[in-house]
Amino acid sequence: MATRDPALRQRFGIAIQNARREMGLSQEELAHRSNLQVSFISRIERGLHAPSLEAIAALAEALETKPHLLVKAAEDERTPA
């Protein structure tokens, strides 16, 4: 059985926030582009919510990237043990 990584949500949120800021977008603009609610974007960025695959795809499209690259960015944030 795979071990769950409790910090993955936080790292994914940081990856979303970094990508959003690199594009110069506010949370409101990202919400508009992805057709998601601002409060949902905020919860993701703070690591309080794990988005569905559909939400990850919508975020990736809005951020002009691929879903797997967002997940990879979250994985790359992991510090070596």
C-alpha atoms as a PDB file:
ATOM      1  CA  MET A   1       0.000   0.000   0.000  1.00  0.00           C
ATOM      2  CA  ALA A   2       1.324   3.429  -0.955  1.00  0.00           C
ATOM      3  CA  THR A   3       2.169   5.896   1.796  1.00  0.00           C
ATOM      4  CA  ARG A   4       0.143   9.097   1.696  1.00  0.00           C
ATOM      5  CA  ASP A   5       2.093  12.334   1.719  1.00  0.00           C
ATOM      6  CA  PRO A   6       0.178  14.821   3.903  1.00  0.00           C
ATOM      7  CA  ALA A   7       2.223  17.749   2.598  1.00  0.00           C
ATOM      8  CA  LEU A   8       1.345  17.088  -1.050  1.00  0.00           C
ATOM      9  CA  ARG A   9      -1.707  19.376  -0.894  1.00  0.00           C
ATOM     10  CA  GLN A  10       0.449  22.186   0.454  1.00  0.00           C
ATOM     11  CA  ARG A  11       3.115  21.692  -2.193  1.00  0.00           C
ATOM     12  CA  PHE A  12       0.472  21.554  -4.930  1.00  0.00           C
ATOM     13  CA  GLY A  13      -1.010  24.789  -3.610  1.00  0.00           C
ATOM     14  CA  ILE A  14       2.408  26.423  -3.714  1.00  0.00           C
ATOM     15  CA  ALA A  15       2.877  25.199  -7.305  1.00  0.00           C
ATOM     16  CA  ILE A  16      -0.471  26.737  -8.306  1.00  0.00           C
ATOM     17  CA  GLN A  17       0.333  29.985  -6.536  1.00  0.00           C
ATOM     18  CA  ASN A  18       3.792  30.190  -8.136  1.00  0.00           C
ATOM     19  CA  ALA A  19       2.402  29.535 -11.625  1.00  0.00           C
ATOM     20  CA  ARG A  20      -0.357  32.112 -11.081  1.00  0.00           C
ATOM     21  CA  ARG A  21       2.081  34.754  -9.885  1.00  0.00           C
ATOM     22  CA  GLU A  22       4.511  34.034 -12.752  1.00  0.00           C
ATOM     23  CA  MET A  23       1.657  34.872 -15.132  1.00  0.00           C
ATOM     24  CA  GLY A  24       0.838  38.005 -13.147  1.00  0.00           C
ATOM     25  CA  LEU A  25      -2.668  36.775 -12.331  1.00  0.00           C
ATOM     26  CA  SER A  26      -4.739  37.464  -9.249  1.00  0.00           C
ATOM     27  CA  GLN A  27      -6.730  34.681  -7.663  1.00  0.00           C
ATOM     28  CA  GLU A  28      -9.821  36.373  -9.098  1.00  0.00           C
ATOM     29  CA  GLU A  29      -8.439  36.269 -12.644  1.00  0.00           C
ATOM     30  CA  LEU A  30      -7.385  32.630 -12.279  1.00  0.00           C
ATOM     31  CA  ALA A  31     -10.850  31.796 -10.979  1.00  0.00           C
ATOM     32  CA  HIS A  32     -12.424  33.532 -13.963  1.00  0.00           C
ATOM     33  CA  ARG A  33     -10.129  31.802 -16.480  1.00  0.00           C
ATOM     34  CA  SER A  34     -10.640  28.368 -14.911  1.00  0.00           C
ATOM     35  CA  ASN A  35     -14.358  28.792 -14.194  1.00  0.00           C
ATOM     36  CA  LEU A  36     -13.706  27.990 -10.528  1.00  0.00           C
ATOM     37  CA  GLN A  37     -14.612  30.014  -7.454  1.00  0.00           C
ATOM     38  CA  VAL A  38     -12.092  32.387  -5.881  1.00  0.00           C
ATOM     39  CA  SER A  39     -12.618  30.756  -2.482  1.00  0.00           C
ATOM     40  CA  PHE A  40     -11.821  27.362  -4.050  1.00  0.00           C
ATOM     41  CA  ILE A  41      -8.578  28.725  -5.548  1.00  0.00           C
ATOM     42  CA  SER A  42      -7.673  30.195  -2.156  1.00  0.00           C
ATOM     43  CA  ARG A  43      -8.270  26.880  -0.364  1.00  0.00           C
ATOM     44  CA  ILE A  44      -6.139  25.035  -2.929  1.00  0.00           C
ATOM     45  CA  GLU A  45      -3.283  27.527  -2.625  1.00  0.00           C
ATOM     46  CA  ARG A  46      -3.355  27.264   1.165  1.00  0.00           C
ATOM     47  CA  GLY A  47      -3.267  23.467   0.982  1.00  0.00           C
ATOM     48  CA  LEU A  48      -6.708  23.112   2.549  1.00  0.00           C
ATOM     49  CA  HIS A  49      -8.336  21.373  -0.406  1.00  0.00           C
ATOM     50  CA  ALA A  50      -7.184  18.668  -2.812  1.00  0.00           C
ATOM     51  CA  PRO A  51      -8.661  19.467  -6.234  1.00  0.00           C
ATOM     52  CA  SER A  52     -10.261  16.871  -8.473  1.00  0.00           C
ATOM     53  CA  LEU A  53      -8.689  15.856 -11.767  1.00  0.00           C
ATOM     54  CA  GLU A  54     -11.218  18.071 -13.533  1.00  0.00           C
ATOM     55  CA  ALA A  55     -10.212  21.070 -11.414  1.00  0.00           C
ATOM     56  CA  ILE A  56      -6.508  20.373 -12.007  1.00  0.00           C
ATOM     57  CA  ALA A  57      -7.179  20.264 -15.749  1.00  0.00           C
ATOM     58  CA  ALA A  58      -9.111  23.558 -15.581  1.00  0.00           C
ATOM     59  CA  LEU A  59      -6.316  25.193 -13.587  1.00  0.00           C
ATOM     60  CA  ALA A  60      -3.678  23.923 -15.997  1.00  0.00           C
ATOM     61  CA  GLU A  61      -5.566  25.281 -18.996  1.00  0.00           C
ATOM     62  CA  ALA A  62      -6.029  28.648 -17.288  1.00  0.00           C
ATOM     63  CA  LEU A  63      -2.315  28.702 -16.406  1.00  0.00           C
ATOM     64  CA  GLU A  64      -1.381  27.706 -19.974  1.00  0.00           C
ATOM     65  CA  THR A  65       0.369  24.513 -18.928  1.00  0.00           C
ATOM     66  CA  LYS A  66      -0.284  20.782 -18.713  1.00  0.00           C
ATOM     67  CA  PRO A  67      -1.814  19.109 -15.640  1.00  0.00           C
ATOM     68  CA  HIS A  68       1.135  16.763 -15.184  1.00  0.00           C
ATOM     69  CA  LEU A  69       3.511  19.724 -15.017  1.00  0.00           C
ATOM     70  CA  LEU A  70       1.566  21.196 -12.096  1.00  0.00           C
ATOM     71  CA  VAL A  71       1.762  17.874 -10.274  1.00  0.00           C
ATOM     72  CA  LYS A  72       5.465  17.577 -11.128  1.00  0.00           C
ATOM     73  CA  ALA A  73       6.071  21.071  -9.728  1.00  0.00           C
ATOM     74  CA  ALA A  74       4.454  19.937  -6.475  1.00  0.00           C
ATOM     75  CA  GLU A  75       6.627  16.825  -6.430  1.00  0.00           C
ATOM     76  CA  ASP A  76       9.746  18.905  -7.144  1.00  0.00           C
ATOM     77  CA  GLU A  77       9.007  20.959  -4.013  1.00  0.00           C
ATOM     78  CA  ARG A  78       9.631  17.849  -1.887  1.00  0.00           C
ATOM     79  CA  THR A  79      12.783  18.100   0.143  1.00  0.00           C
ATOM     80  CA  PRO A  80      15.044  15.059   0.205  1.00  0.00           C
ATOM     81  CA  ALA A  81      14.798  12.889   3.314  1.00  0.00           C
END
